[in-house]
Amino acid sequence: MDVKLKRQDFYYDLPEELIAQHPSDKREESRLMVLDKNSGKIEHKIFRDIIDYFSEGDCLVLNDTKVIPARLFGQKAETGAKIEFLLLKRLEDDKWETLVKPGKKAKVGTEIIFGDGILKGEILDRTESGGRVIKFYYDGIFEEILDKLGEMPLPPYITEKLEDKERYQTVYSRNEGSAAAPTAGLHFTHELLEKIRKKGVSIVYITLHVGLGTFRPVKAENILEHSMHSEYYEVSKEAVDTINRVKNNGGRIFAVGTTSTRTLETIGDENGFVSPKSGWTDIFIYPGYEFKVVDRLITNFHLPESTLIMLISALAGRDNVLKAYDVAVKERYRFFSLGDAMLIK
């Protein structure tokens, strides 16, 4: 593996106006760039055309995680000072690891009131990364209260309010736990999935709860020194049996998103077969990595110098990816979470 990979090797120049602030009018009408990972050839399509790239006997792997409205605005019980929390991870019972701002107001022992007191909290501890552990107190069902009080934790580069919060969920989301959406899946509709299924493609659901670490910039100049975030995943025996059957029969595995890709590569053996597992993955995929399970990748356009652009560069080749991104800028594709899509074939 090349140990001299630099963060700057994955930089590209992106005009700010190409960062999508709103989803496309219809999910399947986003634009789709198709990149051939071997030749570097590029095609320009509409996302619904993705069906043309499947063959009977292939497998489509989707991440069915659901984003929770994890941004909460409260105030200190003692002074009324405003304070913002971002729920990262449920630790146990009603204790959560959170990010807080302003942090200086969030001392251990501080009591917080949310939504006229229907939810209260106490700060129990600081985390190594500077966050806080908070314990919540309430009557009723926490998820219902969160749905009432919380806001969708949109990425920092989306500065406009999302009118319909369901547009930051995939149509197949069902397992609550993500702080960010698996955005490559936002382009699918139930109708498009049904058409793909009717073509003889197996559709499999796995779960990886996306953490905000996915947006953490790589600061180390040598990317091997980057500390990768960990995320929780679950893959069922039913999903595994289907994937292994498709592999055995010579079908191709299409992963939707870097989240599905990281999960599949975490549980795959050297022959490309997978086994049912759950746990935490901090796999870091960058050029030089040999893919074991994933043959094709459906993804969005990613931030410069991010772990995500490093992952797709491992699959398609860094030069191919950077050339494709230059074309995407010239052709005015829409970038990042609410933007357009790419198929690496």
Protein backbone atom coordinates (compact mmCIF):
# COMPACT_ATOMS: atom_id res chain seq x y z
CA MET A 1 0.00 0.00 0.00
CA ASP A 2 1.27 3.51 -0.81
CA VAL A 3 2.20 5.10 2.51
CA LYS A 4 2.95 8.46 0.88
CA LEU A 5 -0.63 9.47 0.16
CA LYS A 6 -1.14 13.10 1.08
CA ARG A 7 -4.37 14.80 2.01
CA GLN A 8 -3.77 17.36 -0.76
CA ASP A 9 -3.74 14.55 -3.34
CA PHE A 10 -7.54 14.47 -2.96
CA TYR A 11 -8.21 18.18 -3.35
CA TYR A 12 -10.34 19.68 -6.10
CA ASP A 13 -11.67 23.20 -6.57
CA LEU A 14 -15.42 23.51 -6.02
CA PRO A 15 -17.41 26.73 -6.56
CA GLU A 16 -19.64 27.28 -3.53
CA GLU A 17 -22.76 27.73 -5.66
CA LEU A 18 -22.57 24.06 -6.73
CA ILE A 19 -23.18 22.84 -3.16
CA ALA A 20 -26.82 21.71 -3.27
CA GLN A 21 -29.03 23.48 -0.70
CA HIS A 22 -32.23 21.73 -1.76
CA PRO A 23 -33.01 18.24 -3.09
CA SER A 24 -34.15 17.83 -6.70
CA ASP A 25 -37.89 18.23 -7.30
CA LYS A 26 -38.25 14.46 -7.72
CA ARG A 27 -35.86 11.95 -6.20
CA GLU A 28 -35.19 9.92 -9.33
CA GLU A 29 -34.69 13.02 -11.51
CA SER A 30 -31.31 13.93 -10.03
CA ARG A 31 -28.52 13.83 -12.55
CA LEU A 32 -26.34 10.71 -12.71
CA MET A 33 -22.73 10.60 -13.81
CA VAL A 34 -21.57 7.12 -14.80
CA LEU A 35 -17.82 6.54 -14.44
CA ASP A 36 -16.14 3.44 -15.85
CA LYS A 37 -13.47 2.59 -13.26
CA ASN A 38 -11.30 0.79 -15.81
CA SER A 39 -11.34 3.16 -18.78
CA GLY A 40 -12.24 6.44 -17.06
CA LYS A 41 -15.03 6.94 -19.61
CA ILE A 42 -17.87 9.21 -18.41
CA GLU A 43 -21.57 9.20 -19.34
CA HIS A 44 -24.21 11.75 -18.33
CA LYS A 45 -27.63 10.35 -17.39
CA ILE A 46 -30.67 10.91 -15.16
CA PHE A 47 -30.82 8.81 -12.00
CA ARG A 48 -33.81 6.74 -13.15
CA ASP A 49 -31.53 5.47 -15.99
CA ILE A 50 -29.59 3.51 -13.36
CA ILE A 51 -31.82 0.52 -14.10
CA ASP A 52 -30.00 0.10 -17.45
CA TYR A 53 -26.77 -0.78 -15.62
CA PHE A 54 -28.17 -3.80 -13.78
CA SER A 55 -28.31 -7.34 -15.11
CA GLU A 56 -30.47 -10.23 -13.96
CA GLY A 57 -28.73 -11.94 -11.03
CA ASP A 58 -27.11 -8.78 -9.61
CA CYS A 59 -27.63 -7.59 -6.03
CA LEU A 60 -28.42 -4.07 -4.79
CA VAL A 61 -27.41 -3.37 -1.17
CA LEU A 62 -29.18 -0.53 0.66
CA ASN A 63 -28.56 0.98 4.10
CA ASP A 64 -31.94 1.18 5.87
CA THR A 65 -30.84 3.42 8.74
CA LYS A 66 -33.16 6.28 9.71
CA VAL A 67 -32.00 9.74 10.72
CA ILE A 68 -33.23 10.90 14.10
CA PRO A 69 -34.05 14.63 14.60
CA ALA A 70 -30.92 14.85 16.72
CA ARG A 71 -30.51 18.63 17.09
CA LEU A 72 -32.08 19.93 20.31
CA PHE A 73 -32.28 23.51 21.56
CA GLY A 74 -32.57 24.00 25.32
CA GLN A 75 -31.81 26.45 28.05
CA LYS A 76 -30.04 26.27 31.38
CA ALA A 77 -32.54 25.85 34.21
CA GLU A 78 -30.57 28.22 36.40
CA THR A 79 -30.01 31.17 34.06
CA GLY A 80 -32.16 30.61 30.94
CA ALA A 81 -29.02 30.76 28.75
CA LYS A 82 -29.58 29.07 25.36
CA ILE A 83 -27.64 25.92 24.60
CA GLU A 84 -27.64 23.54 21.62
CA PHE A 85 -27.15 19.77 21.72
CA LEU A 86 -26.48 17.30 18.93
CA LEU A 87 -27.21 13.68 19.88
CA LEU A 88 -24.42 11.42 18.67
CA LYS A 89 -24.86 8.07 20.35
CA ARG A 90 -27.17 6.44 22.88
CA LEU A 91 -24.95 5.00 25.59
CA GLU A 92 -27.50 3.29 27.85
CA ASP A 93 -31.06 3.93 28.97
CA ASP A 94 -31.52 7.69 28.63
CA LYS A 95 -27.84 8.65 28.58
CA TRP A 96 -26.48 10.09 25.32
CA GLU A 97 -23.13 11.24 24.04
CA THR A 98 -23.62 14.71 22.55
CA LEU A 99 -21.90 17.68 20.98
CA VAL A 100 -22.72 20.95 22.74
CA LYS A 101 -22.39 24.61 21.90
CA PRO A 102 -21.45 26.82 23.55
CA GLY A 103 -19.43 24.25 25.50
CA LYS A 104 -18.44 26.66 28.25
CA LYS A 105 -22.06 26.80 29.41
CA ALA A 106 -22.29 23.02 29.69
CA LYS A 107 -20.51 22.22 32.93
CA VAL A 108 -21.02 18.87 34.64
CA GLY A 109 -24.09 19.06 36.87
CA THR A 110 -25.87 21.66 34.72
CA GLU A 111 -29.63 21.12 34.35
CA ILE A 112 -31.18 21.79 30.94
CA ILE A 113 -34.82 22.39 30.00
CA PHE A 114 -36.14 21.62 26.51
CA GLY A 115 -39.54 22.57 25.07
CA ASP A 116 -41.19 24.16 28.12
CA GLY A 117 -40.05 21.32 30.32
CA ILE A 118 -41.52 18.28 28.53
CA LEU A 119 -37.89 17.13 28.31
CA LYS A 120 -35.18 17.81 30.89
CA GLY A 121 -31.56 16.83 31.09
CA GLU A 122 -28.54 16.79 33.36
CA ILE A 123 -24.95 16.93 32.14
CA LEU A 124 -23.10 14.01 33.70
CA ASP A 125 -19.64 14.04 32.13
CA ARG A 126 -17.27 15.34 29.47
CA THR A 127 -16.05 13.11 26.64
CA GLU A 128 -12.49 12.78 25.35
CA SER A 129 -13.44 14.66 22.18
CA GLY A 130 -14.88 17.61 24.11
CA GLY A 131 -18.54 16.54 23.97
CA ARG A 132 -20.87 15.90 26.89
CA VAL A 133 -22.78 12.95 28.31
CA ILE A 134 -26.35 13.98 29.18
CA LYS A 135 -29.10 12.04 30.93
CA PHE A 136 -32.67 12.86 29.87
CA TYR A 137 -35.79 12.88 32.06
CA TYR A 138 -39.32 12.86 30.62
CA ASP A 139 -42.78 11.33 30.77
CA GLY A 140 -43.88 9.25 27.79
CA ILE A 141 -41.87 7.93 24.82
CA PHE A 142 -38.49 9.54 24.14
CA GLU A 143 -38.68 9.09 20.35
CA GLU A 144 -42.04 10.88 20.21
CA ILE A 145 -40.71 13.78 22.28
CA LEU A 146 -37.61 13.99 20.11
CA ASP A 147 -39.75 14.02 16.97
CA LYS A 148 -41.67 16.97 18.41
CA LEU A 149 -38.71 19.01 19.69
CA GLY A 150 -35.75 17.96 17.56
CA GLU A 151 -34.55 19.20 14.18
CA MET A 152 -32.78 17.29 11.44
CA PRO A 153 -29.00 17.60 11.88
CA LEU A 154 -28.18 18.78 8.36
CA PRO A 155 -24.49 18.91 7.39
CA PRO A 156 -22.72 22.22 8.04
CA TYR A 157 -22.51 23.08 4.34
CA ILE A 158 -26.33 23.13 4.02
CA THR A 159 -27.25 26.58 5.26
CA GLU A 160 -30.89 26.76 4.17
CA LYS A 161 -33.80 25.17 6.04
CA LEU A 162 -35.13 21.90 4.64
CA GLU A 163 -38.89 22.35 4.24
CA ASP A 164 -39.78 18.66 4.07
CA LYS A 165 -37.66 16.68 6.53
CA GLU A 166 -38.68 13.41 4.84
CA ARG A 167 -36.46 14.45 1.91
CA TYR A 168 -33.49 13.86 4.24
CA GLN A 169 -34.65 10.23 4.71
CA THR A 170 -34.49 7.41 2.19
CA VAL A 171 -37.88 5.94 1.24
CA TYR A 172 -36.78 2.64 2.82
CA SER A 173 -35.43 4.04 6.12
CA ARG A 174 -36.63 2.09 9.15
CA ASN A 175 -33.93 1.56 11.82
CA GLU A 176 -33.55 4.77 13.82
CA GLY A 177 -30.07 5.79 14.89
CA SER A 178 -28.26 8.02 12.38
CA ALA A 179 -27.06 11.57 12.90
CA ALA A 180 -26.81 11.98 9.10
CA ALA A 181 -28.53 10.41 6.11
CA PRO A 182 -26.97 7.75 3.86
CA THR A 183 -27.42 10.25 1.07
CA ALA A 184 -26.69 8.05 -1.97
CA GLY A 185 -30.02 6.33 -1.25
CA LEU A 186 -32.04 9.57 -1.39
CA HIS A 187 -32.44 9.18 -5.17
CA PHE A 188 -34.43 5.95 -5.04
CA THR A 189 -38.23 5.75 -5.08
CA HIS A 190 -40.37 2.71 -4.29
CA GLU A 191 -41.34 2.58 -7.99
CA LEU A 192 -37.73 2.58 -9.18
CA LEU A 193 -36.79 -0.14 -6.69
CA GLU A 194 -39.71 -2.25 -7.90
CA LYS A 195 -38.55 -1.88 -11.52
CA ILE A 196 -35.04 -2.97 -10.51
CA ARG A 197 -36.48 -5.98 -8.64
CA LYS A 198 -38.55 -6.96 -11.69
CA LYS A 199 -35.35 -7.01 -13.74
CA GLY A 200 -34.21 -9.97 -11.62
CA VAL A 201 -32.04 -8.04 -9.19
CA SER A 202 -31.97 -9.07 -5.51
CA ILE A 203 -32.45 -6.15 -3.11
CA VAL A 204 -30.85 -6.47 0.31
CA TYR A 205 -31.05 -4.20 3.37
CA ILE A 206 -28.25 -3.75 5.87
CA THR A 207 -27.90 -1.15 8.63
CA LEU A 208 -25.07 1.25 9.42
CA HIS A 209 -25.88 4.21 11.65
CA VAL A 210 -24.12 7.21 10.16
CA GLY A 211 -22.25 9.37 12.66
CA LEU A 212 -21.20 12.99 12.29
CA GLY A 213 -17.63 11.75 12.11
CA THR A 214 -18.40 11.16 8.44
CA PHE A 215 -18.05 14.95 8.00
CA ARG A 216 -14.86 15.22 10.06
CA PRO A 217 -12.15 16.70 7.85
CA VAL A 218 -8.86 14.91 7.36
CA LYS A 219 -6.30 17.20 8.99
CA ALA A 220 -3.22 14.97 8.91
CA GLU A 221 -0.98 15.67 5.92
CA ASN A 222 -0.22 11.95 5.62
CA ILE A 223 -3.66 10.37 5.45
CA LEU A 224 -2.46 7.23 7.26
CA GLU A 225 -2.25 9.36 10.41
CA HIS A 226 -5.99 10.18 10.26
CA SER A 227 -8.04 8.78 13.14
CA MET A 228 -11.13 7.19 11.56
CA HIS A 229 -14.53 7.48 13.28
CA SER A 230 -16.42 4.31 14.20
CA GLU A 231 -20.05 3.55 13.35
CA TYR A 232 -22.44 0.78 14.43
CA TYR A 233 -23.64 -1.77 11.86
CA GLU A 234 -25.92 -4.82 11.73
CA VAL A 235 -26.12 -7.35 8.90
CA SER A 236 -28.68 -10.17 9.10
CA LYS A 237 -28.31 -13.81 8.06
CA GLU A 238 -31.03 -13.24 5.44
CA ALA A 239 -29.01 -10.41 3.84
CA VAL A 240 -25.79 -12.41 3.98
CA ASP A 241 -27.36 -15.50 2.39
CA THR A 242 -28.58 -13.43 -0.56
CA ILE A 243 -25.25 -11.65 -1.08
CA ASN A 244 -23.30 -14.92 -0.94
CA ARG A 245 -25.71 -16.62 -3.35
CA VAL A 246 -25.31 -13.78 -5.86
CA LYS A 247 -21.51 -13.93 -5.47
CA ASN A 248 -21.55 -17.71 -5.98
CA ASN A 249 -23.59 -17.34 -9.17
CA GLY A 250 -21.30 -14.68 -10.64
CA GLY A 251 -23.63 -11.71 -10.05
CA ARG A 252 -22.34 -8.27 -9.16
CA ILE A 253 -22.78 -6.47 -5.84
CA PHE A 254 -23.98 -2.85 -6.19
CA ALA A 255 -23.45 -0.97 -2.92
CA VAL A 256 -25.53 2.16 -2.39
CA GLY A 257 -23.30 4.67 -0.65
CA THR A 258 -20.01 4.66 1.19
CA THR A 259 -21.86 3.45 4.32
CA SER A 260 -23.00 0.21 2.68
CA THR A 261 -19.54 -0.17 1.15
CA ARG A 262 -17.72 0.19 4.46
CA THR A 263 -20.09 -2.29 6.11
CA LEU A 264 -19.73 -4.92 3.37
CA GLU A 265 -15.96 -4.61 3.27
CA THR A 266 -15.85 -4.90 7.08
CA ILE A 267 -17.69 -8.24 7.11
CA GLY A 268 -16.23 -9.72 3.91
CA ASP A 269 -13.55 -12.41 3.83
CA GLU A 270 -10.66 -12.55 1.36
CA ASN A 271 -12.86 -14.45 -1.13
CA GLY A 272 -15.60 -11.81 -1.06
CA PHE A 273 -18.11 -13.78 1.00
CA VAL A 274 -19.84 -12.22 4.00
CA SER A 275 -21.13 -13.46 7.35
CA PRO A 276 -23.87 -12.09 9.62
CA LYS A 277 -22.39 -9.68 12.13
CA SER A 278 -23.04 -6.59 14.19
CA GLY A 279 -20.59 -4.25 15.86
CA TRP A 280 -18.55 -1.12 15.27
CA THR A 281 -16.48 -0.46 12.18
CA ASP A 282 -13.72 2.09 11.77
CA ILE A 283 -12.49 0.76 8.43
CA PHE A 284 -10.59 3.39 6.43
CA ILE A 285 -10.56 2.68 2.69
CA TYR A 286 -8.11 4.59 0.50
CA PRO A 287 -6.14 3.90 -2.73
CA GLY A 288 -4.26 0.64 -2.53
CA TYR A 289 -7.17 -1.12 -0.83
CA GLU A 290 -8.33 -4.32 -2.59
CA PHE A 291 -12.12 -4.54 -2.60
CA LYS A 292 -13.42 -7.96 -1.55
CA VAL A 293 -17.22 -7.67 -1.80
CA VAL A 294 -18.29 -4.52 -3.66
CA ASP A 295 -18.22 -4.52 -7.47
CA ARG A 296 -20.19 -1.33 -8.24
CA LEU A 297 -20.85 1.78 -6.17
CA ILE A 298 -23.69 4.30 -6.31
CA THR A 299 -22.69 7.45 -4.47
CA ASN A 300 -22.94 11.24 -4.34
CA PHE A 301 -20.20 13.81 -4.96
CA HIS A 302 -18.00 14.22 -1.88
CA LEU A 303 -16.04 16.94 -0.12
CA PRO A 304 -12.44 17.64 -1.18
CA GLU A 305 -9.84 15.90 1.01
CA SER A 306 -12.52 13.80 2.78
CA THR A 307 -12.33 10.11 3.69
CA LEU A 308 -15.26 9.58 1.31
CA ILE A 309 -13.44 10.83 -1.80
CA MET A 310 -10.51 8.66 -0.70
CA LEU A 311 -12.81 5.63 -0.60
CA ILE A 312 -14.18 6.14 -4.10
CA SER A 313 -10.64 6.81 -5.35
CA ALA A 314 -9.69 3.37 -4.02
CA LEU A 315 -12.40 1.83 -6.21
CA ALA A 316 -12.14 3.93 -9.38
CA GLY A 317 -8.57 5.28 -9.24
CA ARG A 318 -7.65 8.74 -7.96
CA ASP A 319 -6.89 10.18 -11.41
CA ASN A 320 -10.21 8.92 -12.82
CA VAL A 321 -12.12 10.38 -9.88
CA LEU A 322 -10.46 13.79 -9.96
CA LYS A 323 -10.97 14.05 -13.74
CA ALA A 324 -14.64 13.07 -13.28
CA TYR A 325 -15.05 15.70 -10.55
CA ASP A 326 -13.51 18.35 -12.84
CA VAL A 327 -16.07 17.37 -15.49
CA ALA A 328 -18.85 17.50 -12.88
CA VAL A 329 -17.85 21.06 -11.95
CA LYS A 330 -17.76 22.13 -15.63
CA GLU A 331 -21.14 20.46 -16.27
CA ARG A 332 -22.63 22.14 -13.17
CA TYR A 333 -23.56 18.97 -11.28
CA ARG A 334 -24.92 19.55 -7.77
CA PHE A 335 -22.58 18.44 -5.00
CA PHE A 336 -22.74 16.80 -1.57
CA SER A 337 -25.66 15.44 0.50
CA LEU A 338 -28.63 16.88 -1.42
CA GLY A 339 -26.89 16.86 -4.79
CA ASP A 340 -26.55 14.58 -7.79
CA ALA A 341 -25.30 11.00 -8.02
CA MET A 342 -22.47 8.97 -9.51
CA LEU A 343 -22.34 5.31 -10.51
CA ILE A 344 -18.88 3.76 -10.52
CA LYS A 345 -19.09 0.70 -12.79
